[in-house]
Amino acid sequence: MDPRNRRQSALRLIGASLVVIALAFASYGCGADIPRGKIIFSKDVPTLDGKCSPANPVTSVAATDAVYATYVFKARPGSETLTLSVTKDGAAWGSTVDIPSTNTNGKDCLGDSDNYASITGWGPGAYHMSIKNGDSVVAEGDLTVK
């Protein structure tokens, strides 16, 4: 399998894992102090703390460090389908992943327990992740991988 297909498969895996994570967070929502519209990265696996508050947030990691994302939407999604896209060094990286908002069970955040460092093709670069509802960005974040 060529590297592009591996990245696409990895992003699809992340999308599928979001469904599982959404079910795990079904009875939780963000705390009042968490910044809305952000993707927050951490070296720690997201916990079910009821607030989607990742421990020890980071903006930069080594390529071999485990890194996880918490997606904090600007508002609770309605019935729309959200779309996750990733760029690396300003260029599209992999394919977009659709996330049906019904998978969020009406909650305003999701914690992703998949380690991004385990994705084929992951390595040094400047990553920008964005979740959109149509043309509107509902969450985004940047991560530098060294």
N, C-alpha and C. Protein backbone atom coordinates (compact mmCIF):
# COMPACT_ATOMS: atom_id res chain seq x y z
N MET A 1 0.86 -1.17 0.00
CA MET A 1 0.00 0.00 0.00
C MET A 1 0.90 1.23 0.00
N ASP A 2 0.62 2.18 -0.87
CA ASP A 2 1.46 3.37 -0.95
C ASP A 2 1.16 4.30 0.24
N PRO A 3 2.08 5.22 0.57
CA PRO A 3 1.92 6.09 1.75
C PRO A 3 0.64 6.91 1.75
N ARG A 4 0.18 7.37 0.60
CA ARG A 4 -1.06 8.18 0.56
C ARG A 4 -2.26 7.35 1.01
N ASN A 5 -2.34 6.10 0.52
CA ASN A 5 -3.44 5.22 0.91
C ASN A 5 -3.36 4.88 2.39
N ARG A 6 -2.15 4.74 2.93
CA ARG A 6 -1.99 4.46 4.36
C ARG A 6 -2.50 5.63 5.19
N ARG A 7 -2.17 6.87 4.76
CA ARG A 7 -2.65 8.05 5.49
C ARG A 7 -4.17 8.12 5.44
N GLN A 8 -4.74 7.85 4.26
CA GLN A 8 -6.19 7.89 4.13
C GLN A 8 -6.82 6.83 5.03
N SER A 9 -6.24 5.64 5.07
CA SER A 9 -6.75 4.59 5.93
C SER A 9 -6.63 4.98 7.39
N ALA A 10 -5.52 5.62 7.74
CA ALA A 10 -5.32 6.05 9.13
C ALA A 10 -6.35 7.10 9.51
N LEU A 11 -6.62 8.06 8.62
CA LEU A 11 -7.62 9.09 8.93
C LEU A 11 -9.01 8.48 9.04
N ARG A 12 -9.30 7.49 8.22
CA ARG A 12 -10.60 6.80 8.34
C ARG A 12 -10.69 6.09 9.68
N LEU A 13 -9.58 5.49 10.13
CA LEU A 13 -9.54 4.82 11.42
C LEU A 13 -9.81 5.82 12.54
N ILE A 14 -9.22 7.01 12.43
CA ILE A 14 -9.46 8.05 13.43
C ILE A 14 -10.94 8.41 13.43
N GLY A 15 -11.51 8.57 12.24
CA GLY A 15 -12.93 8.90 12.14
C GLY A 15 -13.79 7.83 12.79
N ALA A 16 -13.46 6.58 12.54
CA ALA A 16 -14.23 5.48 13.14
C ALA A 16 -14.06 5.48 14.65
N SER A 17 -12.86 5.78 15.12
CA SER A 17 -12.63 5.79 16.57
C SER A 17 -13.40 6.93 17.23
N LEU A 18 -13.65 8.02 16.50
CA LEU A 18 -14.44 9.11 17.05
C LEU A 18 -15.84 8.65 17.42
N VAL A 19 -16.37 7.70 16.64
CA VAL A 19 -17.69 7.16 16.95
C VAL A 19 -17.65 6.48 18.31
N VAL A 20 -16.62 5.68 18.54
CA VAL A 20 -16.47 4.99 19.81
C VAL A 20 -16.27 5.98 20.94
N ILE A 21 -15.42 6.97 20.71
CA ILE A 21 -15.17 7.98 21.73
C ILE A 21 -16.45 8.75 22.03
N ALA A 22 -17.23 9.06 21.00
CA ALA A 22 -18.48 9.80 21.20
C ALA A 22 -19.40 9.02 22.13
N LEU A 23 -19.44 7.72 21.94
CA LEU A 23 -20.28 6.91 22.81
C LEU A 23 -19.74 6.91 24.23
N ALA A 24 -18.42 6.90 24.38
CA ALA A 24 -17.82 6.92 25.71
C ALA A 24 -18.10 8.23 26.43
N PHE A 25 -18.15 9.33 25.69
CA PHE A 25 -18.39 10.65 26.27
C PHE A 25 -19.87 11.03 26.23
N ALA A 26 -20.74 10.08 25.95
CA ALA A 26 -22.15 10.39 25.72
C ALA A 26 -22.80 11.16 26.85
N SER A 27 -22.36 10.95 28.07
CA SER A 27 -23.02 11.64 29.18
C SER A 27 -22.20 12.81 29.70
N TYR A 28 -21.24 13.26 28.94
CA TYR A 28 -20.37 14.32 29.40
C TYR A 28 -20.40 15.51 28.45
N GLY A 29 -20.03 16.67 28.93
CA GLY A 29 -19.91 17.87 28.12
C GLY A 29 -18.75 18.69 28.63
N CYS A 30 -18.39 19.72 27.91
CA CYS A 30 -17.25 20.54 28.29
C CYS A 30 -17.53 21.37 29.52
N GLY A 31 -16.49 21.61 30.29
CA GLY A 31 -16.60 22.51 31.42
C GLY A 31 -16.66 23.95 30.93
N ALA A 32 -17.12 24.83 31.78
CA ALA A 32 -17.30 26.23 31.40
C ALA A 32 -15.99 26.93 31.09
N ASP A 33 -14.88 26.47 31.65
CA ASP A 33 -13.60 27.16 31.47
C ASP A 33 -12.79 26.68 30.28
N ILE A 34 -13.28 25.69 29.53
CA ILE A 34 -12.52 25.16 28.39
C ILE A 34 -12.75 26.06 27.18
N PRO A 35 -11.71 26.35 26.41
CA PRO A 35 -11.87 27.22 25.25
C PRO A 35 -12.67 26.54 24.14
N ARG A 36 -13.69 27.21 23.66
CA ARG A 36 -14.55 26.67 22.61
C ARG A 36 -13.90 26.83 21.24
N GLY A 37 -14.21 25.89 20.34
CA GLY A 37 -13.71 25.97 18.98
C GLY A 37 -12.25 25.56 18.84
N LYS A 38 -11.75 24.78 19.78
CA LYS A 38 -10.33 24.40 19.78
C LYS A 38 -10.16 22.89 19.69
N ILE A 39 -9.07 22.49 19.08
CA ILE A 39 -8.59 21.12 19.19
C ILE A 39 -7.38 21.21 20.09
N ILE A 40 -7.46 20.53 21.21
CA ILE A 40 -6.42 20.61 22.23
C ILE A 40 -5.65 19.29 22.24
N PHE A 41 -4.33 19.39 22.17
CA PHE A 41 -3.48 18.21 22.13
C PHE A 41 -2.85 17.97 23.50
N SER A 42 -2.61 16.69 23.81
CA SER A 42 -2.02 16.31 25.08
C SER A 42 -1.23 15.03 24.90
N LYS A 43 -0.24 14.85 25.74
CA LYS A 43 0.50 13.58 25.74
C LYS A 43 -0.22 12.53 26.57
N ASP A 44 -1.27 12.94 27.25
CA ASP A 44 -2.04 12.03 28.10
C ASP A 44 -3.35 11.65 27.41
N VAL A 45 -3.75 10.40 27.57
CA VAL A 45 -5.00 9.92 27.00
C VAL A 45 -6.15 10.70 27.65
N PRO A 46 -7.12 11.19 26.85
CA PRO A 46 -8.25 11.91 27.44
C PRO A 46 -8.98 11.04 28.46
N THR A 47 -9.45 11.69 29.52
CA THR A 47 -10.16 10.97 30.58
C THR A 47 -11.63 11.35 30.58
N LEU A 48 -12.41 10.57 31.24
CA LEU A 48 -13.83 10.84 31.37
C LEU A 48 -14.06 11.73 32.59
N ASP A 49 -13.48 12.93 32.57
CA ASP A 49 -13.61 13.82 33.72
C ASP A 49 -14.88 14.63 33.71
N GLY A 50 -15.69 14.47 32.67
CA GLY A 50 -16.94 15.18 32.58
C GLY A 50 -16.80 16.58 32.02
N LYS A 51 -15.58 17.02 31.72
CA LYS A 51 -15.37 18.38 31.24
C LYS A 51 -14.56 18.44 29.96
N CYS A 52 -14.12 17.31 29.43
CA CYS A 52 -13.27 17.27 28.24
C CYS A 52 -12.05 18.16 28.43
N SER A 53 -11.51 18.18 29.61
CA SER A 53 -10.33 19.00 29.91
C SER A 53 -9.10 18.11 29.86
N PRO A 54 -8.33 18.18 28.77
CA PRO A 54 -7.15 17.33 28.68
C PRO A 54 -6.09 17.74 29.70
N ALA A 55 -5.44 16.74 30.27
CA ALA A 55 -4.35 17.02 31.20
C ALA A 55 -3.11 17.40 30.41
N ASN A 56 -2.36 18.34 30.90
CA ASN A 56 -1.08 18.72 30.32
C ASN A 56 -1.14 19.03 28.82
N PRO A 57 -1.92 20.02 28.40
CA PRO A 57 -1.98 20.36 26.97
C PRO A 57 -0.62 20.75 26.42
N VAL A 58 -0.39 20.40 25.15
CA VAL A 58 0.87 20.71 24.49
C VAL A 58 0.60 21.31 23.10
N THR A 59 1.56 22.05 22.59
CA THR A 59 1.48 22.56 21.22
C THR A 59 2.63 22.03 20.37
N SER A 60 3.56 21.31 21.02
CA SER A 60 4.72 20.77 20.32
C SER A 60 5.12 19.45 20.99
N VAL A 61 5.46 18.47 20.16
CA VAL A 61 5.89 17.16 20.66
C VAL A 61 7.00 16.61 19.78
N ALA A 62 7.73 15.64 20.29
CA ALA A 62 8.70 14.90 19.47
C ALA A 62 7.91 13.90 18.63
N ALA A 63 8.44 13.53 17.49
CA ALA A 63 7.75 12.62 16.57
C ALA A 63 7.42 11.28 17.22
N THR A 64 8.19 10.87 18.22
CA THR A 64 7.96 9.59 18.87
C THR A 64 7.06 9.69 20.10
N ASP A 65 6.69 10.91 20.51
CA ASP A 65 5.81 11.09 21.67
C ASP A 65 4.39 10.68 21.32
N ALA A 66 3.73 10.04 22.28
CA ALA A 66 2.30 9.79 22.13
C ALA A 66 1.59 11.13 22.22
N VAL A 67 0.58 11.34 21.37
CA VAL A 67 -0.18 12.60 21.40
C VAL A 67 -1.64 12.30 21.06
N TYR A 68 -2.53 12.92 21.82
CA TYR A 68 -3.96 12.69 21.69
C TYR A 68 -4.67 14.03 21.51
N ALA A 69 -5.88 14.00 20.97
CA ALA A 69 -6.62 15.24 20.71
C ALA A 69 -7.96 15.22 21.43
N THR A 70 -8.34 16.40 21.89
CA THR A 70 -9.69 16.63 22.41
C THR A 70 -10.30 17.70 21.51
N TYR A 71 -11.44 17.39 20.93
CA TYR A 71 -12.11 18.29 20.00
C TYR A 71 -13.21 19.03 20.76
N VAL A 72 -13.07 20.34 20.90
CA VAL A 72 -14.03 21.16 21.63
C VAL A 72 -14.74 22.05 20.61
N PHE A 73 -16.00 21.76 20.35
CA PHE A 73 -16.75 22.50 19.34
C PHE A 73 -17.19 23.87 19.86
N LYS A 74 -17.42 24.80 18.94
CA LYS A 74 -17.90 26.13 19.33
C LYS A 74 -19.27 26.04 20.00
N ALA A 75 -20.07 25.07 19.57
CA ALA A 75 -21.40 24.84 20.13
C ALA A 75 -21.74 23.37 19.92
N ARG A 76 -22.77 22.92 20.57
CA ARG A 76 -23.20 21.55 20.39
C ARG A 76 -23.72 21.37 18.96
N PRO A 77 -23.23 20.35 18.27
CA PRO A 77 -23.68 20.13 16.89
C PRO A 77 -25.17 19.78 16.85
N GLY A 78 -25.80 20.16 15.74
CA GLY A 78 -27.19 19.78 15.51
C GLY A 78 -27.22 18.46 14.76
N SER A 79 -27.85 18.43 13.60
CA SER A 79 -27.97 17.20 12.83
C SER A 79 -27.00 17.14 11.66
N GLU A 80 -26.11 18.11 11.56
CA GLU A 80 -25.19 18.17 10.44
C GLU A 80 -24.06 17.13 10.54
N THR A 81 -23.37 16.94 9.42
CA THR A 81 -22.17 16.10 9.41
C THR A 81 -20.96 17.02 9.49
N LEU A 82 -20.09 16.73 10.43
CA LEU A 82 -18.86 17.50 10.60
C LEU A 82 -17.77 16.85 9.77
N THR A 83 -16.78 17.62 9.35
CA THR A 83 -15.70 17.11 8.52
C THR A 83 -14.35 17.45 9.14
N LEU A 84 -13.53 16.43 9.36
CA LEU A 84 -12.18 16.61 9.90
C LEU A 84 -11.20 16.61 8.74
N SER A 85 -10.35 17.64 8.68
CA SER A 85 -9.29 17.67 7.67
C SER A 85 -7.98 18.03 8.36
N VAL A 86 -6.88 17.57 7.76
CA VAL A 86 -5.56 17.79 8.33
C VAL A 86 -4.62 18.28 7.24
N THR A 87 -3.82 19.29 7.59
CA THR A 87 -2.74 19.71 6.69
C THR A 87 -1.42 19.51 7.44
N LYS A 88 -0.40 19.24 6.66
CA LYS A 88 0.96 19.11 7.21
C LYS A 88 1.83 20.05 6.39
N ASP A 89 2.47 20.98 7.06
CA ASP A 89 3.31 21.98 6.40
C ASP A 89 2.54 22.71 5.30
N GLY A 90 1.24 22.97 5.54
CA GLY A 90 0.42 23.74 4.62
C GLY A 90 -0.20 22.96 3.48
N ALA A 91 0.11 21.68 3.35
CA ALA A 91 -0.45 20.86 2.27
C ALA A 91 -1.43 19.83 2.85
N ALA A 92 -2.48 19.53 2.10
CA ALA A 92 -3.44 18.53 2.55
C ALA A 92 -2.71 17.24 2.91
N TRP A 93 -3.11 16.64 4.02
CA TRP A 93 -2.49 15.41 4.49
C TRP A 93 -3.58 14.38 4.68
N GLY A 94 -3.62 13.40 3.80
CA GLY A 94 -4.67 12.40 3.85
C GLY A 94 -5.98 12.95 3.31
N SER A 95 -7.03 12.20 3.50
CA SER A 95 -8.34 12.63 3.03
C SER A 95 -9.17 13.14 4.21
N THR A 96 -10.22 13.89 3.90
CA THR A 96 -11.09 14.37 4.96
C THR A 96 -11.91 13.20 5.51
N VAL A 97 -12.34 13.35 6.75
CA VAL A 97 -13.12 12.31 7.42
C VAL A 97 -14.44 12.93 7.87
N ASP A 98 -15.54 12.33 7.45
CA ASP A 98 -16.86 12.80 7.89
C ASP A 98 -17.17 12.24 9.27
N ILE A 99 -17.71 13.12 10.11
CA ILE A 99 -18.11 12.73 11.45
C ILE A 99 -19.58 13.12 11.60
N PRO A 100 -20.49 12.17 11.48
CA PRO A 100 -21.90 12.52 11.68
C PRO A 100 -22.11 13.07 13.10
N SER A 101 -22.73 14.22 13.21
CA SER A 101 -22.89 14.83 14.54
C SER A 101 -23.77 13.99 15.45
N THR A 102 -24.54 13.09 14.87
CA THR A 102 -25.33 12.20 15.73
C THR A 102 -24.42 11.34 16.59
N ASN A 103 -23.17 11.14 16.15
CA ASN A 103 -22.21 10.36 16.93
C ASN A 103 -21.78 11.09 18.19
N THR A 104 -21.99 12.41 18.25
CA THR A 104 -21.60 13.16 19.45
C THR A 104 -22.69 13.13 20.52
N ASN A 105 -23.85 12.58 20.16
CA ASN A 105 -24.97 12.51 21.09
C ASN A 105 -25.31 13.87 21.68
N GLY A 106 -25.16 14.91 20.87
CA GLY A 106 -25.53 16.24 21.31
C GLY A 106 -24.54 16.90 22.25
N LYS A 107 -23.40 16.30 22.46
CA LYS A 107 -22.39 16.88 23.35
C LYS A 107 -21.51 17.84 22.58
N ASP A 108 -20.80 18.68 23.29
CA ASP A 108 -20.01 19.73 22.66
C ASP A 108 -18.52 19.43 22.58
N CYS A 109 -18.11 18.21 22.91
CA CYS A 109 -16.69 17.86 22.80
C CYS A 109 -16.52 16.36 22.69
N LEU A 110 -15.36 15.96 22.16
CA LEU A 110 -14.98 14.56 22.04
C LEU A 110 -13.52 14.42 22.41
N GLY A 111 -13.18 13.39 23.15
CA GLY A 111 -11.78 13.07 23.41
C GLY A 111 -11.40 11.88 22.55
N ASP A 112 -10.30 11.97 21.84
CA ASP A 112 -9.84 10.91 20.94
C ASP A 112 -8.73 10.13 21.63
N SER A 113 -8.97 8.85 21.89
CA SER A 113 -7.96 8.03 22.59
C SER A 113 -6.98 7.36 21.64
N ASP A 114 -7.06 7.68 20.34
CA ASP A 114 -6.07 7.15 19.39
C ASP A 114 -4.81 8.00 19.45
N ASN A 115 -3.67 7.34 19.51
CA ASN A 115 -2.37 8.01 19.54
C ASN A 115 -2.01 8.43 18.11
N TYR A 116 -1.97 9.73 17.88
CA TYR A 116 -1.65 10.22 16.54
C TYR A 116 -0.26 9.78 16.09
N ALA A 117 0.67 9.59 17.02
CA ALA A 117 2.03 9.18 16.65
C ALA A 117 2.07 7.79 16.03
N SER A 118 1.00 7.02 16.18
CA SER A 118 0.98 5.68 15.61
C SER A 118 0.44 5.66 14.18
N ILE A 119 0.05 6.82 13.64
CA ILE A 119 -0.46 6.89 12.28
C ILE A 119 0.70 6.77 11.29
N THR A 120 0.54 5.91 10.30
CA THR A 120 1.55 5.76 9.27
C THR A 120 1.76 7.10 8.57
N GLY A 121 2.99 7.50 8.41
CA GLY A 121 3.31 8.76 7.77
C GLY A 121 3.46 9.92 8.75
N TRP A 122 3.16 9.68 10.04
CA TRP A 122 3.31 10.73 11.05
C TRP A 122 4.79 11.04 11.20
N GLY A 123 5.12 12.29 11.33
CA GLY A 123 6.51 12.66 11.50
C GLY A 123 6.65 14.16 11.65
N PRO A 124 7.88 14.64 11.66
CA PRO A 124 8.13 16.07 11.86
C PRO A 124 7.35 16.94 10.86
N GLY A 125 6.83 18.04 11.38
CA GLY A 125 6.10 18.98 10.55
C GLY A 125 5.15 19.82 11.37
N ALA A 126 4.52 20.77 10.71
CA ALA A 126 3.52 21.64 11.33
C ALA A 126 2.14 21.15 10.88
N TYR A 127 1.37 20.61 11.82
CA TYR A 127 0.05 20.07 11.52
C TYR A 127 -1.03 21.08 11.91
N HIS A 128 -2.04 21.19 11.06
CA HIS A 128 -3.21 22.00 11.37
C HIS A 128 -4.42 21.09 11.17
N MET A 129 -5.23 20.94 12.21
CA MET A 129 -6.43 20.12 12.12
C MET A 129 -7.64 21.03 12.25
N SER A 130 -8.63 20.72 11.44
CA SER A 130 -9.81 21.57 11.40
C SER A 130 -11.06 20.69 11.28
N ILE A 131 -12.07 21.02 12.06
CA ILE A 131 -13.36 20.36 11.95
C ILE A 131 -14.34 21.43 11.49
N LYS A 132 -15.03 21.12 10.39
CA LYS A 132 -15.97 22.09 9.81
C LYS A 132 -17.39 21.55 9.80
N ASN A 133 -18.31 22.48 9.86
CA ASN A 133 -19.73 22.24 9.62
C ASN A 133 -20.04 23.03 8.35
N GLY A 134 -20.05 22.36 7.21
CA GLY A 134 -20.18 23.06 5.93
C GLY A 134 -18.93 23.90 5.72
N ASP A 135 -19.10 25.22 5.58
CA ASP A 135 -17.96 26.11 5.40
C ASP A 135 -17.49 26.74 6.71
N SER A 136 -18.18 26.48 7.80
CA SER A 136 -17.84 27.09 9.09
C SER A 136 -16.94 26.18 9.92
N VAL A 137 -15.85 26.73 10.40
CA VAL A 137 -14.94 25.99 11.27
C VAL A 137 -15.56 25.93 12.66
N VAL A 138 -15.70 24.73 13.21
CA VAL A 138 -16.27 24.57 14.55
C VAL A 138 -15.22 24.18 15.59
N ALA A 139 -14.04 23.75 15.12
CA ALA A 139 -12.91 23.47 16.02
C ALA A 139 -11.65 23.36 15.17
N GLU A 140 -10.55 23.91 15.69
CA GLU A 140 -9.28 23.79 14.98
C GLU A 140 -8.14 23.89 15.98
N GLY A 141 -7.00 23.35 15.55
CA GLY A 141 -5.81 23.41 16.39
C GLY A 141 -4.57 23.11 15.60
N ASP A 142 -3.44 23.57 16.16
CA ASP A 142 -2.14 23.39 15.53
C ASP A 142 -1.22 22.60 16.45
N LEU A 143 -0.41 21.76 15.84
CA LEU A 143 0.57 20.96 16.58
C LEU A 143 1.86 20.91 15.78
N THR A 144 2.97 21.21 16.44
CA THR A 144 4.28 21.09 15.82
C THR A 144 4.89 19.78 16.27
N VAL A 145 5.32 18.99 15.32
CA VAL A 145 5.97 17.70 15.60
C VAL A 145 7.42 17.84 15.18
N LYS A 146 8.33 17.61 16.12
CA LYS A 146 9.76 17.76 15.87
C LYS A 146 10.43 16.44 15.61
